[in-house]
Full PDB file with SEQRES, HELIX, SHEET, SSBOND, CRYST1, ORIGX, SCALE, CONECT and MASTER records, all heavy atoms in Angstrom:
SEQRES   1 A   40  SER ARG LEU ARG GLU LEU GLY ALA VAL PHE GLN SER ALA          
SEQRES   2 A   40  PRO ASN TRP SER GLU HIS VAL GLU ALA ASP GLY THR LEU          
SEQRES   3 A   40  ILE THR GLY GLN ASN PRO GLN SER THR VAL ALA VAL SER          
SEQRES   4 A   40  LYS                                                          
HELIX    1 AA1 ARG A    2  GLU A    5  1                                   4    
HELIX    2 AA2 PRO A   32  SER A   34  5                                   3    
HELIX    3 AA3 THR A   35  SER A   39  1                                   5    
SHEET    1 AA1 2 VAL A  20  ASP A  23  0                                        
SHEET    2 AA1 2 LEU A  26  GLY A  29 -1                                        
CRYST1    1.000    1.000    1.000  90.00  90.00  90.00 P 1           1          
ORIGX1      1.000000  0.000000  0.000000        0.00000                         
ORIGX2      0.000000  1.000000  0.000000        0.00000                         
ORIGX3      0.000000  0.000000  1.000000        0.00000                         
SCALE1      1.000000  0.000000  0.000000        0.00000                         
SCALE2      0.000000  1.000000  0.000000        0.00000                         
SCALE3      0.000000  0.000000  1.000000        0.00000                         
ATOM      1  N   SER A   1      -7.966  34.457  10.346  1.00  0.00           N  
ATOM      2  CA  SER A   1      -6.533  34.221  10.580  1.00  0.00           C  
ATOM      3  C   SER A   1      -5.790  35.529  10.809  1.00  0.00           C  
ATOM      4  O   SER A   1      -4.940  35.624  11.708  1.00  0.00           O  
ATOM      5  CB  SER A   1      -5.915  33.473   9.397  1.00  0.00           C  
ATOM      6  OG  SER A   1      -6.432  32.163   9.315  1.00  0.00           O  
ATOM      7  N   ARG A   2      -6.098  36.549  10.009  1.00  0.00           N  
ATOM      8  CA  ARG A   2      -5.409  37.835  10.153  1.00  0.00           C  
ATOM      9  C   ARG A   2      -5.693  38.465  11.514  1.00  0.00           C  
ATOM     10  O   ARG A   2      -4.781  38.970  12.179  1.00  0.00           O  
ATOM     11  CB  ARG A   2      -5.835  38.779   9.023  1.00  0.00           C  
ATOM     12  CG  ARG A   2      -5.282  40.202   9.139  1.00  0.00           C  
ATOM     13  CD  ARG A   2      -3.765  40.283   9.023  1.00  0.00           C  
ATOM     14  NE  ARG A   2      -3.295  39.848   7.733  1.00  0.00           N  
ATOM     15  CZ  ARG A   2      -3.236  40.603   6.640  1.00  0.00           C  
ATOM     16  NH1 ARG A   2      -3.625  41.865   6.688  1.00  0.00           N  
ATOM     17  NH2 ARG A   2      -2.785  40.103   5.510  1.00  0.00           N  
ATOM     18  N   LEU A   3      -6.948  38.442  11.926  1.00  0.00           N  
ATOM     19  CA  LEU A   3      -7.302  39.045  13.214  1.00  0.00           C  
ATOM     20  C   LEU A   3      -6.621  38.312  14.363  1.00  0.00           C  
ATOM     21  O   LEU A   3      -6.141  38.934  15.316  1.00  0.00           O  
ATOM     22  CB  LEU A   3      -8.826  39.054  13.384  1.00  0.00           C  
ATOM     23  CG  LEU A   3      -9.579  39.985  12.412  1.00  0.00           C  
ATOM     24  CD1 LEU A   3     -11.081  39.754  12.514  1.00  0.00           C  
ATOM     25  CD2 LEU A   3      -9.247  41.449  12.662  1.00  0.00           C  
ATOM     26  N   ARG A   4      -6.533  36.989  14.259  1.00  0.00           N  
ATOM     27  CA  ARG A   4      -5.830  36.217  15.291  1.00  0.00           C  
ATOM     28  C   ARG A   4      -4.338  36.588  15.316  1.00  0.00           C  
ATOM     29  O   ARG A   4      -3.746  36.735  16.392  1.00  0.00           O  
ATOM     30  CB  ARG A   4      -5.991  34.722  15.027  1.00  0.00           C  
ATOM     31  CG  ARG A   4      -7.389  34.182  15.326  1.00  0.00           C  
ATOM     32  CD  ARG A   4      -7.428  32.669  15.128  1.00  0.00           C  
ATOM     33  NE  ARG A   4      -8.749  32.114  15.305  1.00  0.00           N  
ATOM     34  CZ  ARG A   4      -9.317  31.802  16.473  1.00  0.00           C  
ATOM     35  NH1 ARG A   4      -8.654  32.038  17.596  1.00  0.00           N  
ATOM     36  NH2 ARG A   4     -10.521  31.273  16.520  1.00  0.00           N  
ATOM     37  N   GLU A   5      -3.753  36.743  14.132  1.00  0.00           N  
ATOM     38  CA  GLU A   5      -2.328  37.112  14.057  1.00  0.00           C  
ATOM     39  C   GLU A   5      -2.070  38.451  14.739  1.00  0.00           C  
ATOM     40  O   GLU A   5      -0.994  38.679  15.296  1.00  0.00           O  
ATOM     41  CB  GLU A   5      -1.884  37.209  12.590  1.00  0.00           C  
ATOM     42  CG  GLU A   5      -1.725  35.866  11.883  1.00  0.00           C  
ATOM     43  CD  GLU A   5      -1.670  36.030  10.365  1.00  0.00           C  
ATOM     44  OE1 GLU A   5      -1.526  37.187   9.886  1.00  0.00           O  
ATOM     45  OE2 GLU A   5      -1.784  35.007   9.654  1.00  0.00           O  
ATOM     46  N   LEU A   6      -3.045  39.340  14.688  1.00  0.00           N  
ATOM     47  CA  LEU A   6      -2.910  40.666  15.285  1.00  0.00           C  
ATOM     48  C   LEU A   6      -3.126  40.655  16.791  1.00  0.00           C  
ATOM     49  O   LEU A   6      -3.029  41.699  17.448  1.00  0.00           O  
ATOM     50  CB  LEU A   6      -3.904  41.635  14.627  1.00  0.00           C  
ATOM     51  CG  LEU A   6      -3.625  41.979  13.169  1.00  0.00           C  
ATOM     52  CD1 LEU A   6      -4.834  42.663  12.539  1.00  0.00           C  
ATOM     53  CD2 LEU A   6      -2.387  42.860  13.044  1.00  0.00           C  
ATOM     54  N   GLY A   7      -3.450  39.484  17.347  1.00  0.00           N  
ATOM     55  CA  GLY A   7      -3.619  39.378  18.786  1.00  0.00           C  
ATOM     56  C   GLY A   7      -5.050  39.495  19.262  1.00  0.00           C  
ATOM     57  O   GLY A   7      -5.301  39.606  20.466  1.00  0.00           O  
ATOM     58  N   ALA A   8      -6.006  39.479  18.317  1.00  0.00           N  
ATOM     59  CA  ALA A   8      -7.412  39.525  18.711  1.00  0.00           C  
ATOM     60  C   ALA A   8      -7.805  38.223  19.403  1.00  0.00           C  
ATOM     61  O   ALA A   8      -7.272  37.158  19.100  1.00  0.00           O  
ATOM     62  CB  ALA A   8      -8.296  39.753  17.485  1.00  0.00           C  
ATOM     63  N   VAL A   9      -8.739  38.334  20.320  1.00  0.00           N  
ATOM     64  CA  VAL A   9      -9.329  37.151  20.956  1.00  0.00           C  
ATOM     65  C   VAL A   9     -10.557  36.797  20.122  1.00  0.00           C  
ATOM     66  O   VAL A   9     -11.659  37.292  20.362  1.00  0.00           O  
ATOM     67  CB  VAL A   9      -9.703  37.445  22.423  1.00  0.00           C  
ATOM     68  CG1 VAL A   9     -10.267  36.198  23.094  1.00  0.00           C  
ATOM     69  CG2 VAL A   9      -8.499  37.980  23.188  1.00  0.00           C  
ATOM     70  N   PHE A  10     -10.337  35.961  19.115  1.00  0.00           N  
ATOM     71  CA  PHE A  10     -11.389  35.700  18.122  1.00  0.00           C  
ATOM     72  C   PHE A  10     -12.375  34.676  18.675  1.00  0.00           C  
ATOM     73  O   PHE A  10     -12.008  33.580  19.066  1.00  0.00           O  
ATOM     74  CB  PHE A  10     -10.771  35.179  16.824  1.00  0.00           C  
ATOM     75  CG  PHE A  10     -11.730  35.201  15.659  1.00  0.00           C  
ATOM     76  CD1 PHE A  10     -11.791  36.292  14.810  1.00  0.00           C  
ATOM     77  CD2 PHE A  10     -12.580  34.120  15.425  1.00  0.00           C  
ATOM     78  CE1 PHE A  10     -12.678  36.326  13.747  1.00  0.00           C  
ATOM     79  CE2 PHE A  10     -13.472  34.143  14.370  1.00  0.00           C  
ATOM     80  CZ  PHE A  10     -13.522  35.248  13.527  1.00  0.00           C  
ATOM     81  N   GLN A  11     -13.642  35.071  18.714  1.00  0.00           N  
ATOM     82  CA  GLN A  11     -14.716  34.204  19.212  1.00  0.00           C  
ATOM     83  C   GLN A  11     -15.624  33.858  18.041  1.00  0.00           C  
ATOM     84  O   GLN A  11     -16.129  34.753  17.373  1.00  0.00           O  
ATOM     85  CB  GLN A  11     -15.539  34.941  20.274  1.00  0.00           C  
ATOM     86  CG  GLN A  11     -14.724  35.538  21.381  1.00  0.00           C  
ATOM     87  CD  GLN A  11     -14.318  34.507  22.416  1.00  0.00           C  
ATOM     88  OE1 GLN A  11     -15.049  33.564  22.685  1.00  0.00           O  
ATOM     89  NE2 GLN A  11     -13.147  34.690  22.995  1.00  0.00           N  
ATOM     90  N   SER A  12     -15.862  32.577  17.805  1.00  0.00           N  
ATOM     91  CA  SER A  12     -16.718  32.220  16.670  1.00  0.00           C  
ATOM     92  C   SER A  12     -17.795  31.241  17.086  1.00  0.00           C  
ATOM     93  O   SER A  12     -17.696  30.573  18.118  1.00  0.00           O  
ATOM     94  CB  SER A  12     -15.886  31.634  15.533  1.00  0.00           C  
ATOM     95  OG  SER A  12     -15.221  30.464  15.958  1.00  0.00           O  
ATOM     96  N   ALA A  13     -18.825  31.173  16.278  1.00  0.00           N  
ATOM     97  CA  ALA A  13     -19.928  30.238  16.458  1.00  0.00           C  
ATOM     98  C   ALA A  13     -19.957  29.318  15.233  1.00  0.00           C  
ATOM     99  O   ALA A  13     -19.219  29.542  14.269  1.00  0.00           O  
ATOM    100  CB  ALA A  13     -21.231  31.017  16.593  1.00  0.00           C  
ATOM    101  N   PRO A  14     -20.794  28.279  15.233  1.00  0.00           N  
ATOM    102  CA  PRO A  14     -20.897  27.418  14.055  1.00  0.00           C  
ATOM    103  C   PRO A  14     -21.228  28.224  12.794  1.00  0.00           C  
ATOM    104  O   PRO A  14     -21.851  29.294  12.871  1.00  0.00           O  
ATOM    105  CB  PRO A  14     -22.047  26.464  14.416  1.00  0.00           C  
ATOM    106  CG  PRO A  14     -22.021  26.403  15.911  1.00  0.00           C  
ATOM    107  CD  PRO A  14     -21.615  27.779  16.351  1.00  0.00           C  
ATOM    108  N   ASN A  15     -20.799  27.713  11.657  1.00  0.00           N  
ATOM    109  CA  ASN A  15     -21.010  28.402  10.379  1.00  0.00           C  
ATOM    110  C   ASN A  15     -22.452  28.877  10.217  1.00  0.00           C  
ATOM    111  O   ASN A  15     -23.390  28.128  10.488  1.00  0.00           O  
ATOM    112  CB  ASN A  15     -20.678  27.473   9.211  1.00  0.00           C  
ATOM    113  CG  ASN A  15     -19.191  27.232   9.087  1.00  0.00           C  
ATOM    114  OD1 ASN A  15     -18.410  27.604   9.963  1.00  0.00           O  
ATOM    115  ND2 ASN A  15     -18.783  26.603   7.996  1.00  0.00           N  
ATOM    116  N   TRP A  16     -22.588  30.119   9.783  1.00  0.00           N  
ATOM    117  CA  TRP A  16     -23.856  30.715   9.382  1.00  0.00           C  
ATOM    118  C   TRP A  16     -24.840  30.874  10.543  1.00  0.00           C  
ATOM    119  O   TRP A  16     -26.037  31.015  10.325  1.00  0.00           O  
ATOM    120  CB  TRP A  16     -24.503  29.917   8.226  1.00  0.00           C  
ATOM    121  CG  TRP A  16     -23.509  29.589   7.172  1.00  0.00           C  
ATOM    122  CD1 TRP A  16     -23.000  28.358   6.867  1.00  0.00           C  
ATOM    123  CD2 TRP A  16     -22.839  30.513   6.312  1.00  0.00           C  
ATOM    124  NE1 TRP A  16     -22.064  28.461   5.864  1.00  0.00           N  
ATOM    125  CE2 TRP A  16     -21.943  29.772   5.499  1.00  0.00           C  
ATOM    126  CE3 TRP A  16     -22.906  31.901   6.137  1.00  0.00           C  
ATOM    127  CZ2 TRP A  16     -21.123  30.352   4.540  1.00  0.00           C  
ATOM    128  CZ3 TRP A  16     -22.096  32.488   5.181  1.00  0.00           C  
ATOM    129  CH2 TRP A  16     -21.216  31.714   4.400  1.00  0.00           C  
ATOM    130  N   SER A  17     -24.330  30.882  11.766  1.00  0.00           N  
ATOM    131  CA  SER A  17     -25.216  31.149  12.899  1.00  0.00           C  
ATOM    132  C   SER A  17     -24.959  32.567  13.408  1.00  0.00           C  
ATOM    133  O   SER A  17     -23.857  33.087  13.290  1.00  0.00           O  
ATOM    134  CB  SER A  17     -25.009  30.132  14.015  1.00  0.00           C  
ATOM    135  OG  SER A  17     -23.664  30.115  14.447  1.00  0.00           O  
ATOM    136  N   GLU A  18     -25.996  33.185  13.957  1.00  0.00           N  
ATOM    137  CA  GLU A  18     -25.877  34.556  14.458  1.00  0.00           C  
ATOM    138  C   GLU A  18     -24.891  34.601  15.618  1.00  0.00           C  
ATOM    139  O   GLU A  18     -24.967  33.801  16.542  1.00  0.00           O  
ATOM    140  CB  GLU A  18     -27.247  35.037  14.926  1.00  0.00           C  
ATOM    141  CG  GLU A  18     -27.248  36.426  15.516  1.00  0.00           C  
ATOM    142  CD  GLU A  18     -28.590  36.787  16.124  1.00  0.00           C  
ATOM    143  OE1 GLU A  18     -29.595  36.725  15.398  1.00  0.00           O  
ATOM    144  OE2 GLU A  18     -28.616  37.112  17.335  1.00  0.00           O  
ATOM    145  N   HIS A  19     -23.958  35.544  15.554  1.00  0.00           N  
ATOM    146  CA  HIS A  19     -22.996  35.687  16.647  1.00  0.00           C  
ATOM    147  C   HIS A  19     -22.457  37.111  16.666  1.00  0.00           C  
ATOM    148  O   HIS A  19     -22.053  37.648  15.639  1.00  0.00           O  
ATOM    149  CB  HIS A  19     -21.835  34.704  16.478  1.00  0.00           C  
ATOM    150  CG  HIS A  19     -20.891  34.719  17.643  1.00  0.00           C  
ATOM    151  ND1 HIS A  19     -21.206  34.191  18.866  1.00  0.00           N  
ATOM    152  CD2 HIS A  19     -19.648  35.238  17.776  1.00  0.00           C  
ATOM    153  CE1 HIS A  19     -20.194  34.361  19.700  1.00  0.00           C  
ATOM    154  NE2 HIS A  19     -19.243  35.001  19.075  1.00  0.00           N  
ATOM    155  N   VAL A  20     -22.451  37.707  17.833  1.00  0.00           N  
ATOM    156  CA  VAL A  20     -21.971  39.082  18.016  1.00  0.00           C  
ATOM    157  C   VAL A  20     -21.026  39.123  19.202  1.00  0.00           C  
ATOM    158  O   VAL A  20     -21.254  38.455  20.207  1.00  0.00           O  
ATOM    159  CB  VAL A  20     -23.149  40.051  18.271  1.00  0.00           C  
ATOM    160  CG1 VAL A  20     -22.644  41.467  18.544  1.00  0.00           C  
ATOM    161  CG2 VAL A  20     -24.092  40.064  17.085  1.00  0.00           C  
ATOM    162  N   GLU A  21     -19.962  39.897  19.067  1.00  0.00           N  
ATOM    163  CA  GLU A  21     -19.071  40.182  20.191  1.00  0.00           C  
ATOM    164  C   GLU A  21     -19.062  41.689  20.436  1.00  0.00           C  
ATOM    165  O   GLU A  21     -18.919  42.465  19.488  1.00  0.00           O  
ATOM    166  CB  GLU A  21     -17.648  39.701  19.899  1.00  0.00           C  
ATOM    167  CG  GLU A  21     -17.468  38.204  19.930  1.00  0.00           C  
ATOM    168  CD  GLU A  21     -17.670  37.596  21.299  1.00  0.00           C  
ATOM    169  OE1 GLU A  21     -17.364  38.260  22.308  1.00  0.00           O  
ATOM    170  OE2 GLU A  21     -18.137  36.445  21.362  1.00  0.00           O  
ATOM    171  N   ALA A  22     -19.233  42.067  21.697  1.00  0.00           N  
ATOM    172  CA  ALA A  22     -19.127  43.475  22.070  1.00  0.00           C  
ATOM    173  C   ALA A  22     -18.059  43.596  23.148  1.00  0.00           C  
ATOM    174  O   ALA A  22     -18.207  43.036  24.232  1.00  0.00           O  
ATOM    175  CB  ALA A  22     -20.465  44.000  22.579  1.00  0.00           C  
ATOM    176  N   ASP A  23     -16.976  44.277  22.811  1.00  0.00           N  
ATOM    177  CA  ASP A  23     -15.892  44.513  23.764  1.00  0.00           C  
ATOM    178  C   ASP A  23     -15.779  46.026  23.917  1.00  0.00           C  
ATOM    179  O   ASP A  23     -15.137  46.704  23.103  1.00  0.00           O  
ATOM    180  CB  ASP A  23     -14.588  43.902  23.252  1.00  0.00           C  
ATOM    181  CG  ASP A  23     -13.497  43.877  24.325  1.00  0.00           C  
ATOM    182  OD1 ASP A  23     -13.477  44.792  25.167  1.00  0.00           O  
ATOM    183  OD2 ASP A  23     -12.663  42.950  24.302  1.00  0.00           O  
ATOM    184  N   GLY A  24     -16.452  46.550  24.930  1.00  0.00           N  
ATOM    185  CA  GLY A  24     -16.517  48.004  25.061  1.00  0.00           C  
ATOM    186  C   GLY A  24     -17.277  48.595  23.885  1.00  0.00           C  
ATOM    187  O   GLY A  24     -18.391  48.170  23.566  1.00  0.00           O  
ATOM    188  N   THR A  25     -16.652  49.527  23.185  1.00  0.00           N  
ATOM    189  CA  THR A  25     -17.310  50.174  22.042  1.00  0.00           C  
ATOM    190  C   THR A  25     -16.967  49.499  20.715  1.00  0.00           C  
ATOM    191  O   THR A  25     -17.332  50.004  19.654  1.00  0.00           O  
ATOM    192  CB  THR A  25     -16.923  51.662  21.962  1.00  0.00           C  
ATOM    193  OG1 THR A  25     -15.495  51.767  21.869  1.00  0.00           O  
ATOM    194  CG2 THR A  25     -17.420  52.430  23.179  1.00  0.00           C  
ATOM    195  N   LEU A  26     -16.274  48.358  20.763  1.00  0.00           N  
ATOM    196  CA  LEU A  26     -15.959  47.593  19.553  1.00  0.00           C  
ATOM    197  C   LEU A  26     -16.976  46.456  19.431  1.00  0.00           C  
ATOM    198  O   LEU A  26     -17.031  45.567  20.285  1.00  0.00           O  
ATOM    199  CB  LEU A  26     -14.542  47.040  19.632  1.00  0.00           C  
ATOM    200  CG  LEU A  26     -14.054  46.229  18.426  1.00  0.00           C  
ATOM    201  CD1 LEU A  26     -14.016  47.079  17.167  1.00  0.00           C  
ATOM    202  CD2 LEU A  26     -12.681  45.618  18.703  1.00  0.00           C  
ATOM    203  N   ILE A  27     -17.777  46.507  18.365  1.00  0.00           N  
ATOM    204  CA  ILE A  27     -18.868  45.539  18.177  1.00  0.00           C  
ATOM    205  C   ILE A  27     -18.679  44.859  16.821  1.00  0.00           C  
ATOM    206  O   ILE A  27     -18.616  45.539  15.795  1.00  0.00           O  
ATOM    207  CB  ILE A  27     -20.238  46.231  18.217  1.00  0.00           C  
ATOM    208  CG1 ILE A  27     -20.395  47.037  19.505  1.00  0.00           C  
ATOM    209  CG2 ILE A  27     -21.365  45.216  18.076  1.00  0.00           C  
ATOM    210  CD1 ILE A  27     -21.578  47.987  19.483  1.00  0.00           C  
ATOM    211  N   THR A  28     -18.595  43.537  16.826  1.00  0.00           N  
ATOM    212  CA  THR A  28     -18.363  42.809  15.581  1.00  0.00           C  
ATOM    213  C   THR A  28     -19.303  41.613  15.481  1.00  0.00           C  
ATOM    214  O   THR A  28     -19.611  40.967  16.487  1.00  0.00           O  
ATOM    215  CB  THR A  28     -16.902  42.330  15.479  1.00  0.00           C  
ATOM    216  OG1 THR A  28     -16.490  41.758  16.728  1.00  0.00           O  
ATOM    217  CG2 THR A  28     -15.963  43.489  15.136  1.00  0.00           C  
ATOM    218  N   GLY A  29     -19.731  41.317  14.249  1.00  0.00           N  
ATOM    219  CA  GLY A  29     -20.632  40.201  13.994  1.00  0.00           C  
ATOM    220  C   GLY A  29     -20.060  39.276  12.939  1.00  0.00           C  
ATOM    221  O   GLY A  29     -19.281  39.687  12.079  1.00  0.00           O  
ATOM    222  N   GLN A  30     -20.471  38.019  12.986  1.00  0.00           N  
ATOM    223  CA  GLN A  30     -19.796  36.963  12.220  1.00  0.00           C  
ATOM    224  C   GLN A  30     -20.163  36.899  10.750  1.00  0.00           C  
ATOM    225  O   GLN A  30     -19.309  36.596   9.915  1.00  0.00           O  
ATOM    226  CB  GLN A  30     -20.095  35.608  12.886  1.00  0.00           C  
ATOM    227  CG  GLN A  30     -19.363  34.433  12.252  1.00  0.00           C  
ATOM    228  CD  GLN A  30     -19.408  33.201  13.127  1.00  0.00           C  
ATOM    229  OE1 GLN A  30     -19.257  33.299  14.335  1.00  0.00           O  
ATOM    230  NE2 GLN A  30     -19.621  32.044  12.520  1.00  0.00           N  
ATOM    231  N   ASN A  31     -21.407  37.144  10.395  1.00  0.00           N  
ATOM    232  CA  ASN A  31     -21.892  36.824   9.051  1.00  0.00           C  
ATOM    233  C   ASN A  31     -23.167  37.614   8.764  1.00  0.00           C  
ATOM    234  O   ASN A  31     -23.643  38.354   9.629  1.00  0.00           O  
ATOM    235  CB  ASN A  31     -22.138  35.313   8.954  1.00  0.00           C  
ATOM    236  CG  ASN A  31     -22.880  34.801  10.175  1.00  0.00           C  
ATOM    237  OD1 ASN A  31     -23.747  35.485  10.718  1.00  0.00           O  
ATOM    238  ND2 ASN A  31     -22.516  33.621  10.648  1.00  0.00           N  
ATOM    239  N   PRO A  32     -23.752  37.451   7.572  1.00  0.00           N  
ATOM    240  CA  PRO A  32     -24.979  38.217   7.284  1.00  0.00           C  
ATOM    241  C   PRO A  32     -26.087  37.979   8.308  1.00  0.00           C  
ATOM    242  O   PRO A  32     -26.876  38.883   8.591  1.00  0.00           O  
ATOM    243  CB  PRO A  32     -25.390  37.713   5.894  1.00  0.00           C  
ATOM    244  CG  PRO A  32     -24.121  37.233   5.268  1.00  0.00           C  
ATOM    245  CD  PRO A  32     -23.296  36.682   6.391  1.00  0.00           C  
ATOM    246  N   GLN A  33     -26.136  36.773   8.868  1.00  0.00           N  
ATOM    247  CA  GLN A  33     -27.171  36.441   9.847  1.00  0.00           C  
ATOM    248  C   GLN A  33     -27.040  37.268  11.136  1.00  0.00           C  
ATOM    249  O   GLN A  33     -27.965  37.290  11.951  1.00  0.00           O  
ATOM    250  CB  GLN A  33     -27.095  34.950  10.192  1.00  0.00           C  
ATOM    251  CG  GLN A  33     -27.526  34.016   9.083  1.00  0.00           C  
ATOM    252  CD  GLN A  33     -26.500  33.826   7.976  1.00  0.00           C  
ATOM    253  OE1 GLN A  33     -25.356  34.278   8.084  1.00  0.00           O  
ATOM    254  NE2 GLN A  33     -26.894  33.172   6.899  1.00  0.00           N  
ATOM    255  N   SER A  34     -25.907  37.923  11.315  1.00  0.00           N  
ATOM    256  CA  SER A  34     -25.619  38.656  12.555  1.00  0.00           C  
ATOM    257  C   SER A  34     -25.870  40.157  12.451  1.00  0.00           C  
ATOM    258  O   SER A  34     -25.699  40.883  13.436  1.00  0.00           O  
ATOM    259  CB  SER A  34     -24.154  38.414  12.956  1.00  0.00           C  
ATOM    260  OG  SER A  34     -23.862  37.033  12.994  1.00  0.00           O  
ATOM    261  N   THR A  35     -26.288  40.632  11.283  1.00  0.00           N  
ATOM    262  CA  THR A  35     -26.378  42.084  11.054  1.00  0.00           C  
ATOM    263  C   THR A  35     -27.350  42.774  11.996  1.00  0.00           C  
ATOM    264  O   THR A  35     -27.023  43.804  12.603  1.00  0.00           O  
ATOM    265  CB  THR A  35     -26.781  42.378   9.597  1.00  0.00           C  
ATOM    266  OG1 THR A  35     -25.867  41.748   8.715  1.00  0.00           O  
ATOM    267  CG2 THR A  35     -26.792  43.867   9.326  1.00  0.00           C  
ATOM    268  N   VAL A  36     -28.549  42.241  12.119  1.00  0.00           N  
ATOM    269  CA  VAL A  36     -29.549  42.899  12.966  1.00  0.00           C  
ATOM    270  C   VAL A  36     -29.074  42.926  14.418  1.00  0.00           C  
ATOM    271  O   VAL A  36     -29.203  43.944  15.108  1.00  0.00           O  
ATOM    272  CB  VAL A  36     -30.919  42.202  12.838  1.00  0.00           C  
ATOM    273  CG1 VAL A  36     -31.893  42.761  13.869  1.00  0.00           C  
ATOM    274  CG2 VAL A  36     -31.479  42.395  11.428  1.00  0.00           C  
ATOM    275  N   ALA A  37     -28.477  41.824  14.872  1.00  0.00           N  
ATOM    276  CA  ALA A  37     -28.000  41.766  16.254  1.00  0.00           C  
ATOM    277  C   ALA A  37     -26.896  42.793  16.505  1.00  0.00           C  
ATOM    278  O   ALA A  37     -26.852  43.428  17.566  1.00  0.00           O  
ATOM    279  CB  ALA A  37     -27.510  40.361  16.576  1.00  0.00           C  
ATOM    280  N   VAL A  38     -25.984  42.970  15.537  1.00  0.00           N  
ATOM    281  CA  VAL A  38     -24.938  43.989  15.677  1.00  0.00           C  
ATOM    282  C   VAL A  38     -25.571  45.379  15.735  1.00  0.00           C  
ATOM    283  O   VAL A  38     -25.221  46.212  16.573  1.00  0.00           O  
ATOM    284  CB  VAL A  38     -23.920  43.900  14.519  1.00  0.00           C  
ATOM    285  CG1 VAL A  38     -22.945  45.080  14.567  1.00  0.00           C  
ATOM    286  CG2 VAL A  38     -23.145  42.589  14.581  1.00  0.00           C  
ATOM    287  N   SER A  39     -26.524  45.629  14.839  1.00  0.00           N  
ATOM    288  CA  SER A  39     -27.195  46.935  14.802  1.00  0.00           C  
ATOM    289  C   SER A  39     -27.881  47.238  16.126  1.00  0.00           C  
ATOM    290  O   SER A  39     -27.808  48.359  16.639  1.00  0.00           O  
ATOM    291  CB  SER A  39     -28.228  46.969  13.670  1.00  0.00           C  
ATOM    292  OG  SER A  39     -27.660  46.589  12.446  1.00  0.00           O  
ATOM    293  N   LYS A  40     -28.543  46.229  16.687  1.00  0.00           N  
ATOM    294  CA  LYS A  40     -29.254  46.423  17.955  1.00  0.00           C  
ATOM    295  C   LYS A  40     -28.271  46.696  19.100  1.00  0.00           C  
ATOM    296  O   LYS A  40     -28.581  47.454  20.028  1.00  0.00           O  
ATOM    297  CB  LYS A  40     -30.124  45.209  18.267  1.00  0.00           C  
ATOM    298  CG  LYS A  40     -31.360  45.116  17.365  1.00  0.00           C  
ATOM    299  CD  LYS A  40     -32.235  43.943  17.741  1.00  0.00           C  
ATOM    300  CE  LYS A  40     -33.427  43.797  16.823  1.00  0.00           C  
ATOM    301  NZ  LYS A  40     -34.339  44.956  16.857  1.00  0.00           N  
TER     302      LYS A  40                                                      
MASTER        0    0    0    3    2    0    0    6  301    1    0    4          
END                                                                             
């Protein structure tokens, strides 16, 4: 909710599924299941 309020384009996947967003040099992952994908 906070990120959306700040004007972020928040992209999500179903609960507890791996999900990563890369927008230029900003890389964010959804949950613990996404850590390796963010690192890669």
